[in-house]
Every structure is written in structure tokens, then in C-alpha cells.
Amino acid sequence: MTGQRRGLSMGRLALFSLGSAAAVLALATVVLAVIEPGPVLGLLIVLAGVGGAILAMGLVSTRMTRRALDDSADEERSAGDPGTGSSR
């Protein structure tokens, strides 16, 4: 980013999470089309794709949430605690 900090946007979080899952599922679809496997191997590829999509959604959402919360915690620390007059 260009120095500006962003808060946690639920729309952006959903878009990026679902986008990463869609990318993994698209990759699994391409693998299925290229390999043209039998039923058992095809099922394993599809299950790996679904598992990878769930994993990608979790990783992206966790990373975005941690970044947003770390940024807001840094801002709170730099501002100090107004109730006690000291920083944490």
C-alpha cells in the first residue's frame, strides 16, 4: 500500500476470501480437464480442490484480519490510553 492504513472491510474480506477459493477451484478444474482421470482419481482431485479452497479462504481471511487488527492495535498504542494517560 502507499502508506495509508485501511480498516477491516467485510466486503473486501469476503471478496478476497471467495476469490482465493475460486482460484483454487479453477485450478482443480484445469487439472481435471488436462489429466482426464478416471472416477476415483477425479474424485480425489475434486476433494483436494475443495480442501484447498477451504484452506485458501482460511489463510486469506486470517491474514487480512490479523493485519487489520495489528494496524489498529499499533494506532491505539501510539495514541496511548486516554483513561490512564499511559501507553500499554
Protein backbone atom coordinates (compact mmCIF):
# COMPACT_ATOMS: atom_id res chain seq x y z
CA MET A 1 0.00 0.00 0.00
CA THR A 2 1.06 3.61 -0.32
CA GLY A 3 1.42 4.39 3.35
CA GLN A 4 -2.24 4.65 4.16
CA ARG A 5 -3.83 2.18 6.52
CA ARG A 6 -7.17 0.56 5.94
CA GLY A 7 -9.59 -0.83 8.46
CA LEU A 8 -11.19 -4.21 8.12
CA SER A 9 -13.84 -4.09 5.42
CA MET A 10 -16.21 -7.06 5.46
CA GLY A 11 -16.89 -6.67 1.75
CA ARG A 12 -13.21 -6.66 0.89
CA LEU A 13 -12.59 -9.62 3.22
CA ALA A 14 -15.40 -11.61 1.57
CA LEU A 15 -14.25 -10.69 -1.94
CA PHE A 16 -10.65 -11.72 -1.35
CA SER A 17 -11.57 -14.90 0.54
CA LEU A 18 -14.02 -16.08 -2.08
CA GLY A 19 -11.65 -15.01 -4.85
CA SER A 20 -8.89 -17.18 -3.46
CA ALA A 21 -11.27 -20.13 -3.16
CA ALA A 22 -12.47 -19.61 -6.73
CA ALA A 23 -8.87 -19.53 -7.97
CA VAL A 24 -8.11 -22.86 -6.29
CA LEU A 25 -11.29 -24.43 -7.67
CA ALA A 26 -10.44 -23.11 -11.15
CA LEU A 27 -7.01 -24.69 -10.84
CA ALA A 28 -8.59 -28.01 -9.86
CA THR A 29 -10.93 -27.74 -12.87
CA VAL A 30 -7.99 -27.16 -15.21
CA VAL A 31 -6.17 -30.17 -13.72
CA LEU A 32 -9.28 -32.29 -14.29
CA ALA A 33 -9.60 -31.12 -17.90
CA VAL A 34 -5.93 -31.70 -18.71
CA ILE A 35 -5.49 -35.07 -17.00
CA GLU A 36 -8.95 -36.50 -17.79
CA PRO A 37 -8.70 -39.02 -14.93
CA GLY A 38 -10.91 -41.94 -14.08
CA PRO A 39 -13.66 -41.71 -11.48
CA VAL A 40 -11.55 -42.43 -8.40
CA LEU A 41 -8.66 -40.14 -9.27
CA GLY A 42 -11.13 -37.49 -10.40
CA LEU A 43 -12.89 -37.67 -7.05
CA LEU A 44 -9.56 -37.30 -5.25
CA ILE A 45 -8.66 -34.25 -7.34
CA VAL A 46 -12.05 -32.68 -6.63
CA LEU A 47 -11.75 -33.36 -2.90
CA ALA A 48 -8.25 -31.88 -2.90
CA GLY A 49 -9.62 -28.84 -4.73
CA VAL A 50 -12.42 -28.34 -2.21
CA GLY A 51 -9.99 -28.78 0.69
CA GLY A 52 -7.56 -26.36 -0.95
CA ALA A 53 -10.34 -23.82 -1.45
CA ILE A 54 -11.31 -24.02 2.22
CA LEU A 55 -7.65 -23.70 3.22
CA ALA A 56 -7.14 -20.71 0.91
CA MET A 57 -10.22 -18.95 2.31
CA GLY A 58 -9.00 -19.51 5.85
CA LEU A 59 -5.46 -18.31 5.14
CA VAL A 60 -6.57 -15.18 3.31
CA SER A 61 -9.19 -14.19 5.86
CA THR A 62 -6.85 -14.84 8.79
CA ARG A 63 -4.05 -12.83 7.23
CA MET A 64 -6.28 -9.89 6.36
CA THR A 65 -7.90 -9.87 9.80
CA ARG A 66 -4.56 -10.03 11.62
CA ARG A 67 -3.17 -7.21 9.51
CA ALA A 68 -6.19 -5.02 10.22
CA LEU A 69 -6.15 -5.78 13.94
CA ASP A 70 -2.39 -5.28 14.22
CA ASP A 71 -2.70 -1.91 12.48
CA SER A 72 -5.47 -0.80 14.83
CA ALA A 73 -3.53 -2.05 17.87
CA ASP A 74 -0.47 -0.07 16.71
CA GLU A 75 -2.60 3.05 16.37
CA GLU A 76 -4.01 2.55 19.88
CA ARG A 77 -0.53 2.05 21.34
CA SER A 78 0.81 5.18 19.66
CA ALA A 79 -2.16 7.22 20.88
CA GLY A 80 -1.86 5.89 24.44
CA ASP A 81 -4.67 5.04 26.79
CA PRO A 82 -6.72 8.20 27.41
CA GLY A 83 -8.16 6.83 30.66
CA THR A 84 -4.84 6.39 32.47
CA GLY A 85 -2.62 8.67 30.46
CA SER A 86 -0.10 5.90 29.80
CA SER A 87 0.54 3.72 26.81
CA ARG A 88 0.11 -0.04 27.06
